Amino acid sequence: MAKRLKIRQPFSDKILDIFVYIVIAIVFVTSVYPFFLAIVLSFNEGLDGMLGGIYLWPRKPTLENYEKFFTDPEWFDAILVTVARTGLGTVLTVLFTSMVSYGLAHRNLAGRKFYMGVIIFAMYFSGGIIPYYALLRSIKLLDSFLVYIIPMLMNLFFTLVAISFFQSLPEELEEAARIDGAKELGIFFRVIVPVSTPLLATLAIFMAVQHWNSWYDTAFFVRNQSLATLAYRMMAVIRKADVRMVSAAAAGAYSTVKTTSMSVQLAAMSIAVAPIIFVYPFFQKYIISGITLGSVKA
């Protein structure tokens, strides 16, 4: 048997590889460590955490921060609103965006150029927050749960991507279904949707993350605090200094309070990020294939 020839790597390439690995390690540590430290602090007593000096593990381990989070009505309502918004909003956005894109993918659609022009114009130009607020007020969406859902029913960027994807599908699929007597809705749900899994999964994960992390619409368009989202609650904690907790930290051993607003906020952040971390690996293959569907074309 012929011996395999081993190609010796030049010394300069080895040095370059070592340098690249070191840079990757530094970037990884600087990216992951802040989140790791937040988790560690969320399992540590809030008052003790304010003293600093915690780096790798809790100094005074406790579950009081998470207990405070789940027993506080405001935090619990916020996570329920966020879950409902993410679930309903993601499903409806995927459905609406894909159906509109499927219709616009047909070049013989009446008024197609006009619709495409409106979509492209809306992607590059925005009226601003004041006209948008006036629009939402005119259609009575302010201070309503639907303000989280209806304005995001159609994602313009993914509409163009989906149009390109649907146009790349063989026309024979639709023709065969029409010969069998299928209507347009039947063709879409029974023929097109099953072969569009990468596109729909990519759209779903991106919209789910956007809904889950959104806070600005609560800040600008919702006054009813029972409709506040988890992300908005966390932003409010960051912006608002809790004087009572700072005083309790100064009192130290004389205080019976073990949690602070920041420690509860760290627990909330850990809970908010956990679903994305656990769900992403299952959608990774769809995301990679979905974002490489091809160039966007009208």
C-alpha atoms as a PDB file:
ATOM      1  CA  MET A   1       0.000   0.000   0.000  1.00  0.00           C
ATOM      2  CA  ALA A   2       1.193   3.427  -0.888  1.00  0.00           C
ATOM      3  CA  LYS A   3       2.133   5.586   2.056  1.00  0.00           C
ATOM      4  CA  ARG A   4       0.222   8.765   2.504  1.00  0.00           C
ATOM      5  CA  LEU A   5       2.328  11.830   1.999  1.00  0.00           C
ATOM      6  CA  LYS A   6       2.207  14.244   4.915  1.00  0.00           C
ATOM      7  CA  ILE A   7       2.342  17.847   3.893  1.00  0.00           C
ATOM      8  CA  ARG A   8       4.337  19.784   6.453  1.00  0.00           C
ATOM      9  CA  GLN A   9       2.749  23.034   7.463  1.00  0.00           C
ATOM     10  CA  PRO A  10       5.092  26.006   7.205  1.00  0.00           C
ATOM     11  CA  PHE A  11       6.164  27.556  10.488  1.00  0.00           C
ATOM     12  CA  SER A  12       4.590  30.890   9.511  1.00  0.00           C
ATOM     13  CA  ASP A  13       1.218  29.173   9.012  1.00  0.00           C
ATOM     14  CA  LYS A  14       1.461  27.593  12.471  1.00  0.00           C
ATOM     15  CA  ILE A  15       2.128  30.998  14.012  1.00  0.00           C
ATOM     16  CA  LEU A  16      -0.836  32.432  12.112  1.00  0.00           C
ATOM     17  CA  ASP A  17      -3.106  29.591  13.289  1.00  0.00           C
ATOM     18  CA  ILE A  18      -2.053  30.134  16.900  1.00  0.00           C
ATOM     19  CA  PHE A  19      -2.754  33.850  16.576  1.00  0.00           C
ATOM     20  CA  VAL A  20      -6.189  33.165  15.079  1.00  0.00           C
ATOM     21  CA  TYR A  21      -7.064  30.720  17.878  1.00  0.00           C
ATOM     22  CA  ILE A  22      -5.992  33.232  20.507  1.00  0.00           C
ATOM     23  CA  VAL A  23      -8.129  35.955  18.940  1.00  0.00           C
ATOM     24  CA  ILE A  24     -11.112  33.592  18.723  1.00  0.00           C
ATOM     25  CA  ALA A  25     -10.647  32.621  22.383  1.00  0.00           C
ATOM     26  CA  ILE A  26     -10.493  36.264  23.469  1.00  0.00           C
ATOM     27  CA  VAL A  27     -13.615  37.147  21.472  1.00  0.00           C
ATOM     28  CA  PHE A  28     -15.438  34.117  22.863  1.00  0.00           C
ATOM     29  CA  VAL A  29     -14.554  34.942  26.475  1.00  0.00           C
ATOM     30  CA  THR A  30     -15.402  38.641  26.161  1.00  0.00           C
ATOM     31  CA  SER A  31     -18.730  37.747  24.507  1.00  0.00           C
ATOM     32  CA  VAL A  32     -19.840  34.924  26.807  1.00  0.00           C
ATOM     33  CA  TYR A  33     -18.422  35.991  30.179  1.00  0.00           C
ATOM     34  CA  PRO A  34     -20.783  38.984  30.742  1.00  0.00           C
ATOM     35  CA  PHE A  35     -23.791  36.726  30.280  1.00  0.00           C
ATOM     36  CA  PHE A  36     -22.190  34.035  32.459  1.00  0.00           C
ATOM     37  CA  LEU A  37     -21.543  36.597  35.188  1.00  0.00           C
ATOM     38  CA  ALA A  38     -25.150  37.781  34.979  1.00  0.00           C
ATOM     39  CA  ILE A  39     -26.339  34.210  35.585  1.00  0.00           C
ATOM     40  CA  VAL A  40     -23.935  33.846  38.507  1.00  0.00           C
ATOM     41  CA  LEU A  41     -25.176  37.090  40.083  1.00  0.00           C
ATOM     42  CA  SER A  42     -28.791  36.043  39.554  1.00  0.00           C
ATOM     43  CA  PHE A  43     -28.120  33.056  41.850  1.00  0.00           C
ATOM     44  CA  ASN A  44     -26.377  35.227  44.455  1.00  0.00           C
ATOM     45  CA  GLU A  45     -27.953  37.332  47.214  1.00  0.00           C
ATOM     46  CA  GLY A  46     -28.707  40.746  45.759  1.00  0.00           C
ATOM     47  CA  LEU A  47     -27.237  42.822  48.600  1.00  0.00           C
ATOM     48  CA  ASP A  48     -24.086  40.734  48.696  1.00  0.00           C
ATOM     49  CA  GLY A  49     -23.727  41.011  44.924  1.00  0.00           C
ATOM     50  CA  MET A  50     -23.655  44.815  45.176  1.00  0.00           C
ATOM     51  CA  LEU A  51     -20.406  44.541  47.149  1.00  0.00           C
ATOM     52  CA  GLY A  52     -18.584  43.148  44.104  1.00  0.00           C
ATOM     53  CA  GLY A  53     -15.839  40.552  44.038  1.00  0.00           C
ATOM     54  CA  ILE A  54     -17.945  37.823  42.394  1.00  0.00           C
ATOM     55  CA  TYR A  55     -16.429  36.416  39.220  1.00  0.00           C
ATOM     56  CA  LEU A  56     -16.965  32.680  38.669  1.00  0.00           C
ATOM     57  CA  TRP A  57     -19.555  31.387  41.157  1.00  0.00           C
ATOM     58  CA  PRO A  58     -22.079  32.753  43.673  1.00  0.00           C
ATOM     59  CA  ARG A  59     -20.622  33.815  47.025  1.00  0.00           C
ATOM     60  CA  LYS A  60     -23.955  33.452  48.813  1.00  0.00           C
ATOM     61  CA  PRO A  61     -26.091  31.133  46.666  1.00  0.00           C
ATOM     62  CA  THR A  62     -29.840  31.665  46.745  1.00  0.00           C
ATOM     63  CA  LEU A  63     -32.973  31.231  44.667  1.00  0.00           C
ATOM     64  CA  GLU A  64     -34.698  34.267  46.184  1.00  0.00           C
ATOM     65  CA  ASN A  65     -34.180  36.353  43.048  1.00  0.00           C
ATOM     66  CA  TYR A  66     -36.089  33.841  40.936  1.00  0.00           C
ATOM     67  CA  GLU A  67     -38.693  33.403  43.663  1.00  0.00           C
ATOM     68  CA  LYS A  68     -39.181  37.169  43.715  1.00  0.00           C
ATOM     69  CA  PHE A  69     -39.481  37.180  39.921  1.00  0.00           C
ATOM     70  CA  PHE A  70     -42.166  34.503  39.749  1.00  0.00           C
ATOM     71  CA  THR A  71     -44.131  35.780  42.743  1.00  0.00           C
ATOM     72  CA  ASP A  72     -44.123  39.432  41.685  1.00  0.00           C
ATOM     73  CA  PRO A  73     -47.396  40.017  39.763  1.00  0.00           C
ATOM     74  CA  GLU A  74     -45.801  42.621  37.490  1.00  0.00           C
ATOM     75  CA  TRP A  75     -42.981  40.333  36.354  1.00  0.00           C
ATOM     76  CA  PHE A  76     -45.296  37.338  35.998  1.00  0.00           C
ATOM     77  CA  ASP A  77     -47.818  39.321  33.924  1.00  0.00           C
ATOM     78  CA  ALA A  78     -44.960  40.632  31.788  1.00  0.00           C
ATOM     79  CA  ILE A  79     -43.710  37.159  30.920  1.00  0.00           C
ATOM     80  CA  LEU A  80     -47.266  35.987  30.124  1.00  0.00           C
ATOM     81  CA  VAL A  81     -47.782  38.965  27.792  1.00  0.00           C
ATOM     82  CA  THR A  82     -44.410  38.325  26.149  1.00  0.00           C
ATOM     83  CA  VAL A  83     -45.119  34.627  25.611  1.00  0.00           C
ATOM     84  CA  ALA A  84     -48.580  35.377  24.168  1.00  0.00           C
ATOM     85  CA  ARG A  85     -47.211  38.117  21.951  1.00  0.00           C
ATOM     86  CA  THR A  86     -44.327  35.990  20.688  1.00  0.00           C
ATOM     87  CA  GLY A  87     -46.452  32.945  19.957  1.00  0.00           C
ATOM     88  CA  LEU A  88     -49.387  34.677  18.286  1.00  0.00           C
ATOM     89  CA  GLY A  89     -47.279  37.323  16.565  1.00  0.00           C
ATOM     90  CA  THR A  90     -44.821  34.840  15.096  1.00  0.00           C
ATOM     91  CA  VAL A  91     -47.508  32.530  13.712  1.00  0.00           C
ATOM     92  CA  LEU A  92     -49.521  35.357  12.150  1.00  0.00           C
ATOM     93  CA  THR A  93     -46.451  37.111  10.712  1.00  0.00           C
ATOM     94  CA  VAL A  94     -45.194  33.922   9.081  1.00  0.00           C
ATOM     95  CA  LEU A  95     -48.653  33.199   7.679  1.00  0.00           C
ATOM     96  CA  PHE A  96     -49.374  36.719   6.415  1.00  0.00           C
ATOM     97  CA  THR A  97     -45.892  37.405   5.018  1.00  0.00           C
ATOM     98  CA  SER A  98     -45.666  34.077   3.211  1.00  0.00           C
ATOM     99  CA  MET A  99     -49.150  34.385   1.695  1.00  0.00           C
ATOM    100  CA  VAL A 100     -48.508  37.929   0.426  1.00  0.00           C
ATOM    101  CA  SER A 101     -45.129  36.856  -0.955  1.00  0.00           C
ATOM    102  CA  TYR A 102     -46.662  33.856  -2.701  1.00  0.00           C
ATOM    103  CA  GLY A 103     -49.172  36.098  -4.445  1.00  0.00           C
ATOM    104  CA  LEU A 104     -46.529  38.643  -5.481  1.00  0.00           C
ATOM    105  CA  ALA A 105     -44.312  35.868  -6.806  1.00  0.00           C
ATOM    106  CA  HIS A 106     -46.708  35.463  -9.747  1.00  0.00           C
ATOM    107  CA  ARG A 107     -45.580  37.835 -12.488  1.00  0.00           C
ATOM    108  CA  ASN A 108     -49.049  37.946 -14.052  1.00  0.00           C
ATOM    109  CA  LEU A 109     -50.627  39.356 -10.881  1.00  0.00           C
ATOM    110  CA  ALA A 110     -52.616  42.514 -11.638  1.00  0.00           C
ATOM    111  CA  GLY A 111     -50.939  45.582 -10.135  1.00  0.00           C
ATOM    112  CA  ARG A 112     -47.823  43.646  -9.151  1.00  0.00           C
ATOM    113  CA  LYS A 113     -45.417  46.467 -10.066  1.00  0.00           C
ATOM    114  CA  PHE A 114     -47.376  48.909  -7.940  1.00  0.00           C
ATOM    115  CA  TYR A 115     -47.360  46.587  -4.920  1.00  0.00           C
ATOM    116  CA  MET A 116     -43.638  45.924  -5.302  1.00  0.00           C
ATOM    117  CA  GLY A 117     -42.981  49.643  -5.542  1.00  0.00           C
ATOM    118  CA  VAL A 118     -44.902  50.285  -2.332  1.00  0.00           C
ATOM    119  CA  ILE A 119     -42.968  47.559  -0.502  1.00  0.00           C
ATOM    120  CA  ILE A 120     -39.569  48.813  -1.664  1.00  0.00           C
ATOM    121  CA  PHE A 121     -40.481  52.436  -0.890  1.00  0.00           C
ATOM    122  CA  ALA A 122     -41.667  51.485   2.601  1.00  0.00           C
ATOM    123  CA  MET A 123     -38.369  49.662   3.254  1.00  0.00           C
ATOM    124  CA  TYR A 124     -36.257  52.752   2.596  1.00  0.00           C
ATOM    125  CA  PHE A 125     -38.487  55.562   3.853  1.00  0.00           C
ATOM    126  CA  SER A 126     -40.303  55.988   7.166  1.00  0.00           C
ATOM    127  CA  GLY A 127     -42.688  58.688   8.295  1.00  0.00           C
ATOM    128  CA  GLY A 128     -41.219  58.766  11.798  1.00  0.00           C
ATOM    129  CA  ILE A 129     -42.585  58.070  15.227  1.00  0.00           C
ATOM    130  CA  ILE A 130     -45.165  60.908  15.313  1.00  0.00           C
ATOM    131  CA  PRO A 131     -47.059  59.962  12.102  1.00  0.00           C
ATOM    132  CA  TYR A 132     -46.829  56.321  13.160  1.00  0.00           C
ATOM    133  CA  TYR A 133     -48.332  57.190  16.547  1.00  0.00           C
ATOM    134  CA  ALA A 134     -51.114  59.165  14.864  1.00  0.00           C
ATOM    135  CA  LEU A 135     -51.845  56.224  12.559  1.00  0.00           C
ATOM    136  CA  LEU A 136     -52.091  53.780  15.451  1.00  0.00           C
ATOM    137  CA  ARG A 137     -54.376  56.181  17.311  1.00  0.00           C
ATOM    138  CA  SER A 138     -56.643  56.584  14.281  1.00  0.00           C
ATOM    139  CA  ILE A 139     -57.167  52.825  14.020  1.00  0.00           C
ATOM    140  CA  LYS A 140     -57.576  52.515  17.818  1.00  0.00           C
ATOM    141  CA  LEU A 141     -54.576  50.285  18.477  1.00  0.00           C
ATOM    142  CA  LEU A 142     -53.024  52.385  21.224  1.00  0.00           C
ATOM    143  CA  ASP A 143     -53.004  50.809  24.679  1.00  0.00           C
ATOM    144  CA  SER A 144     -54.108  47.491  23.201  1.00  0.00           C
ATOM    145  CA  PHE A 145     -52.529  44.056  22.931  1.00  0.00           C
ATOM    146  CA  LEU A 146     -53.114  44.174  19.168  1.00  0.00           C
ATOM    147  CA  VAL A 147     -50.561  46.987  18.852  1.00  0.00           C
ATOM    148  CA  TYR A 148     -47.959  44.248  19.302  1.00  0.00           C
ATOM    149  CA  ILE A 149     -49.430  42.058  16.553  1.00  0.00           C
ATOM    150  CA  ILE A 150     -51.024  43.993  13.684  1.00  0.00           C
ATOM    151  CA  PRO A 151     -48.177  46.432  12.820  1.00  0.00           C
ATOM    152  CA  MET A 152     -45.761  43.501  12.513  1.00  0.00           C
ATOM    153  CA  LEU A 153     -47.952  41.188  10.450  1.00  0.00           C
ATOM    154  CA  MET A 154     -45.825  41.768   7.355  1.00  0.00           C
ATOM    155  CA  ASN A 155     -42.036  41.803   7.341  1.00  0.00           C
ATOM    156  CA  LEU A 156     -40.937  43.699   4.231  1.00  0.00           C
ATOM    157  CA  PHE A 157     -37.425  42.286   3.999  1.00  0.00           C
ATOM    158  CA  PHE A 158     -38.565  38.679   4.260  1.00  0.00           C
ATOM    159  CA  THR A 159     -41.360  39.449   1.817  1.00  0.00           C
ATOM    160  CA  LEU A 160     -38.758  40.149  -0.870  1.00  0.00           C
ATOM    161  CA  VAL A 161     -36.729  37.101   0.154  1.00  0.00           C
ATOM    162  CA  ALA A 162     -39.844  34.900   0.058  1.00  0.00           C
ATOM    163  CA  ILE A 163     -40.830  36.254  -3.368  1.00  0.00           C
ATOM    164  CA  SER A 164     -37.433  35.243  -4.707  1.00  0.00           C
ATOM    165  CA  PHE A 165     -37.769  31.821  -3.081  1.00  0.00           C
ATOM    166  CA  PHE A 166     -41.274  31.145  -4.430  1.00  0.00           C
ATOM    167  CA  GLN A 167     -40.208  32.203  -7.921  1.00  0.00           C
ATOM    168  CA  SER A 168     -37.395  29.638  -7.798  1.00  0.00           C
ATOM    169  CA  LEU A 169     -39.850  26.767  -7.247  1.00  0.00           C
ATOM    170  CA  PRO A 170     -40.762  24.713 -10.327  1.00  0.00           C
ATOM    171  CA  GLU A 171     -43.994  25.885 -11.946  1.00  0.00           C
ATOM    172  CA  GLU A 172     -44.901  22.260 -12.544  1.00  0.00           C
ATOM    173  CA  LEU A 173     -45.804  21.928  -8.857  1.00  0.00           C
ATOM    174  CA  GLU A 174     -48.657  24.415  -9.179  1.00  0.00           C
ATOM    175  CA  GLU A 175     -49.715  23.164 -12.593  1.00  0.00           C
ATOM    176  CA  ALA A 176     -50.002  19.570 -11.361  1.00  0.00           C
ATOM    177  CA  ALA A 177     -52.063  20.696  -8.370  1.00  0.00           C
ATOM    178  CA  ARG A 178     -54.396  22.743 -10.597  1.00  0.00           C
ATOM    179  CA  ILE A 179     -54.903  19.748 -12.884  1.00  0.00           C
ATOM    180  CA  ASP A 180     -55.960  17.790  -9.805  1.00  0.00           C
ATOM    181  CA  GLY A 181     -58.550  20.483  -9.090  1.00  0.00           C
ATOM    182  CA  ALA A 182     -56.803  22.299  -6.229  1.00  0.00           C
ATOM    183  CA  LYS A 183     -57.618  25.944  -5.579  1.00  0.00           C
ATOM    184  CA  GLU A 184     -55.044  28.641  -4.781  1.00  0.00           C
ATOM    185  CA  LEU A 185     -55.293  28.226  -1.011  1.00  0.00           C
ATOM    186  CA  GLY A 186     -55.049  24.455  -1.379  1.00  0.00           C
ATOM    187  CA  ILE A 187     -51.980  24.811  -3.591  1.00  0.00           C
ATOM    188  CA  PHE A 188     -50.339  27.128  -1.091  1.00  0.00           C
ATOM    189  CA  PHE A 189     -50.966  25.061   2.051  1.00  0.00           C
ATOM    190  CA  ARG A 190     -50.639  21.564   0.561  1.00  0.00           C
ATOM    191  CA  VAL A 191     -47.904  22.081  -2.039  1.00  0.00           C
ATOM    192  CA  ILE A 192     -45.945  25.269  -1.421  1.00  0.00           C
ATOM    193  CA  VAL A 193     -45.732  25.293   2.394  1.00  0.00           C
ATOM    194  CA  PRO A 194     -44.251  21.756   2.729  1.00  0.00           C
ATOM    195  CA  VAL A 195     -41.352  22.626   0.400  1.00  0.00           C
ATOM    196  CA  SER A 196     -40.759  26.029   2.028  1.00  0.00           C
ATOM    197  CA  THR A 197     -39.625  24.808   5.447  1.00  0.00           C
ATOM    198  CA  PRO A 198     -36.216  26.589   5.410  1.00  0.00           C
ATOM    199  CA  LEU A 199     -37.806  29.911   4.509  1.00  0.00           C
ATOM    200  CA  LEU A 200     -40.665  29.661   7.011  1.00  0.00           C
ATOM    201  CA  ALA A 201     -38.413  28.427   9.835  1.00  0.00           C
ATOM    202  CA  THR A 202     -35.968  31.281   9.244  1.00  0.00           C
ATOM    203  CA  LEU A 203     -38.762  33.838   9.252  1.00  0.00           C
ATOM    204  CA  ALA A 204     -40.257  32.279  12.386  1.00  0.00           C
ATOM    205  CA  ILE A 205     -37.061  32.375  14.448  1.00  0.00           C
ATOM    206  CA  PHE A 206     -36.207  35.944  13.447  1.00  0.00           C
ATOM    207  CA  MET A 207     -39.708  37.216  14.184  1.00  0.00           C
ATOM    208  CA  ALA A 208     -39.881  35.289  17.464  1.00  0.00           C
ATOM    209  CA  VAL A 209     -36.649  36.914  18.647  1.00  0.00           C
ATOM    210  CA  GLN A 210     -37.888  40.331  17.535  1.00  0.00           C
ATOM    211  CA  HIS A 211     -41.182  39.937  19.408  1.00  0.00           C
ATOM    212  CA  TRP A 212     -39.487  38.496  22.484  1.00  0.00           C
ATOM    213  CA  ASN A 213     -36.929  41.312  22.772  1.00  0.00           C
ATOM    214  CA  SER A 214     -39.159  44.230  21.746  1.00  0.00           C
ATOM    215  CA  TRP A 215     -39.742  46.960  24.320  1.00  0.00           C
ATOM    216  CA  TYR A 216     -40.091  50.248  22.393  1.00  0.00           C
ATOM    217  CA  ASP A 217     -43.718  49.652  21.362  1.00  0.00           C
ATOM    218  CA  THR A 218     -44.655  49.229  25.030  1.00  0.00           C
ATOM    219  CA  ALA A 219     -42.778  52.406  25.909  1.00  0.00           C
ATOM    220  CA  PHE A 220     -44.440  54.546  23.230  1.00  0.00           C
ATOM    221  CA  PHE A 221     -47.848  53.021  22.560  1.00  0.00           C
ATOM    222  CA  VAL A 222     -49.007  51.291  25.765  1.00  0.00           C
ATOM    223  CA  ARG A 223     -49.956  52.935  29.072  1.00  0.00           C
ATOM    224  CA  ASN A 224     -51.673  49.964  30.658  1.00  0.00           C
ATOM    225  CA  GLN A 225     -48.935  48.407  32.764  1.00  0.00           C
ATOM    226  CA  SER A 226     -50.682  45.038  32.688  1.00  0.00           C
ATOM    227  CA  LEU A 227     -49.719  44.893  28.990  1.00  0.00           C
ATOM    228  CA  ALA A 228     -46.031  45.654  29.603  1.00  0.00           C
ATOM    229  CA  THR A 229     -43.600  43.133  28.125  1.00  0.00           C
ATOM    230  CA  LEU A 230     -40.675  41.432  29.835  1.00  0.00           C
ATOM    231  CA  ALA A 231     -38.111  43.414  27.856  1.00  0.00           C
ATOM    232  CA  TYR A 232     -39.805  46.684  28.834  1.00  0.00           C
ATOM    233  CA  ARG A 233     -39.791  45.726  32.505  1.00  0.00           C
ATOM    234  CA  MET A 234     -36.061  45.054  32.324  1.00  0.00           C
ATOM    235  CA  MET A 235     -35.404  48.372  30.592  1.00  0.00           C
ATOM    236  CA  ALA A 236     -37.439  50.146  33.268  1.00  0.00           C
ATOM    237  CA  VAL A 237     -35.347  48.530  36.009  1.00  0.00           C
ATOM    238  CA  ILE A 238     -32.136  49.610  34.300  1.00  0.00           C
ATOM    239  CA  ARG A 239     -33.305  53.215  33.981  1.00  0.00           C
ATOM    240  CA  LYS A 240     -34.833  53.528  37.431  1.00  0.00           C
ATOM    241  CA  ALA A 241     -32.623  53.627  40.496  1.00  0.00           C
ATOM    242  CA  ASP A 242     -34.200  51.908  43.481  1.00  0.00           C
ATOM    243  CA  VAL A 243     -33.210  54.137  46.424  1.00  0.00           C
ATOM    244  CA  ARG A 244     -34.674  51.790  48.990  1.00  0.00           C
ATOM    245  CA  MET A 245     -32.452  48.931  47.844  1.00  0.00           C
ATOM    246  CA  VAL A 246     -29.347  51.132  47.914  1.00  0.00           C
ATOM    247  CA  SER A 247     -30.177  52.181  51.474  1.00  0.00           C
ATOM    248  CA  ALA A 248     -30.694  48.552  52.411  1.00  0.00           C
ATOM    249  CA  ALA A 249     -27.292  47.695  50.941  1.00  0.00           C
ATOM    250  CA  ALA A 250     -25.707  50.438  53.089  1.00  0.00           C
ATOM    251  CA  ALA A 251     -27.443  49.047  56.154  1.00  0.00           C
ATOM    252  CA  GLY A 252     -25.997  45.644  55.337  1.00  0.00           C
ATOM    253  CA  ALA A 253     -26.566  43.210  58.158  1.00  0.00           C
ATOM    254  CA  TYR A 254     -29.359  45.324  59.639  1.00  0.00           C
ATOM    255  CA  SER A 255     -31.577  44.736  56.609  1.00  0.00           C
ATOM    256  CA  THR A 256     -33.760  41.689  56.171  1.00  0.00           C
ATOM    257  CA  VAL A 257     -34.035  42.267  52.405  1.00  0.00           C
ATOM    258  CA  LYS A 258     -31.878  39.857  50.410  1.00  0.00           C
ATOM    259  CA  THR A 259     -32.862  40.834  46.879  1.00  0.00           C
ATOM    260  CA  THR A 260     -32.403  44.040  44.930  1.00  0.00           C
ATOM    261  CA  SER A 261     -34.114  45.361  41.855  1.00  0.00           C
ATOM    262  CA  MET A 262     -30.972  44.623  39.856  1.00  0.00           C
ATOM    263  CA  SER A 263     -30.650  41.036  41.104  1.00  0.00           C
ATOM    264  CA  VAL A 264     -34.283  40.352  40.153  1.00  0.00           C
ATOM    265  CA  GLN A 265     -33.645  42.000  36.796  1.00  0.00           C
ATOM    266  CA  LEU A 266     -30.660  39.680  36.230  1.00  0.00           C
ATOM    267  CA  ALA A 267     -32.898  36.709  36.985  1.00  0.00           C
ATOM    268  CA  ALA A 268     -35.451  38.057  34.517  1.00  0.00           C
ATOM    269  CA  MET A 269     -32.731  38.503  31.890  1.00  0.00           C
ATOM    270  CA  SER A 270     -31.548  34.930  32.361  1.00  0.00           C
ATOM    271  CA  ILE A 271     -35.093  33.653  31.930  1.00  0.00           C
ATOM    272  CA  ALA A 272     -35.657  35.883  28.901  1.00  0.00           C
ATOM    273  CA  VAL A 273     -32.528  34.697  27.100  1.00  0.00           C
ATOM    274  CA  ALA A 274     -32.901  30.995  27.975  1.00  0.00           C
ATOM    275  CA  PRO A 275     -35.649  30.174  25.407  1.00  0.00           C
ATOM    276  CA  ILE A 276     -33.628  31.700  22.564  1.00  0.00           C
ATOM    277  CA  ILE A 277     -30.497  29.785  23.565  1.00  0.00           C
ATOM    278  CA  PHE A 278     -32.329  26.468  23.768  1.00  0.00           C
ATOM    279  CA  VAL A 279     -34.442  26.943  20.629  1.00  0.00           C
ATOM    280  CA  TYR A 280     -31.735  28.280  18.308  1.00  0.00           C
ATOM    281  CA  PRO A 281     -29.761  24.989  17.935  1.00  0.00           C
ATOM    282  CA  PHE A 282     -32.877  23.227  16.638  1.00  0.00           C
ATOM    283  CA  PHE A 283     -33.447  25.925  13.997  1.00  0.00           C
ATOM    284  CA  GLN A 284     -29.792  26.465  13.085  1.00  0.00           C
ATOM    285  CA  LYS A 285     -29.824  24.277   9.979  1.00  0.00           C
ATOM    286  CA  TYR A 286     -32.955  26.044   8.713  1.00  0.00           C
ATOM    287  CA  ILE A 287     -31.487  29.478   9.407  1.00  0.00           C
ATOM    288  CA  ILE A 288     -28.275  28.692   7.516  1.00  0.00           C
ATOM    289  CA  SER A 289     -30.189  27.417   4.503  1.00  0.00           C
ATOM    290  CA  GLY A 290     -32.816  30.142   4.794  1.00  0.00           C
ATOM    291  CA  ILE A 291     -30.410  33.082   4.683  1.00  0.00           C
ATOM    292  CA  THR A 292     -28.701  31.640   1.594  1.00  0.00           C
ATOM    293  CA  LEU A 293     -31.846  31.219  -0.491  1.00  0.00           C
ATOM    294  CA  GLY A 294     -30.420  33.352  -3.252  1.00  0.00           C
ATOM    295  CA  SER A 295     -30.355  36.929  -4.363  1.00  0.00           C
ATOM    296  CA  VAL A 296     -33.441  39.079  -3.857  1.00  0.00           C
ATOM    297  CA  LYS A 297     -35.195  39.867  -7.087  1.00  0.00           C
ATOM    298  CA  ALA A 298     -38.503  41.447  -7.952  1.00  0.00           C
END
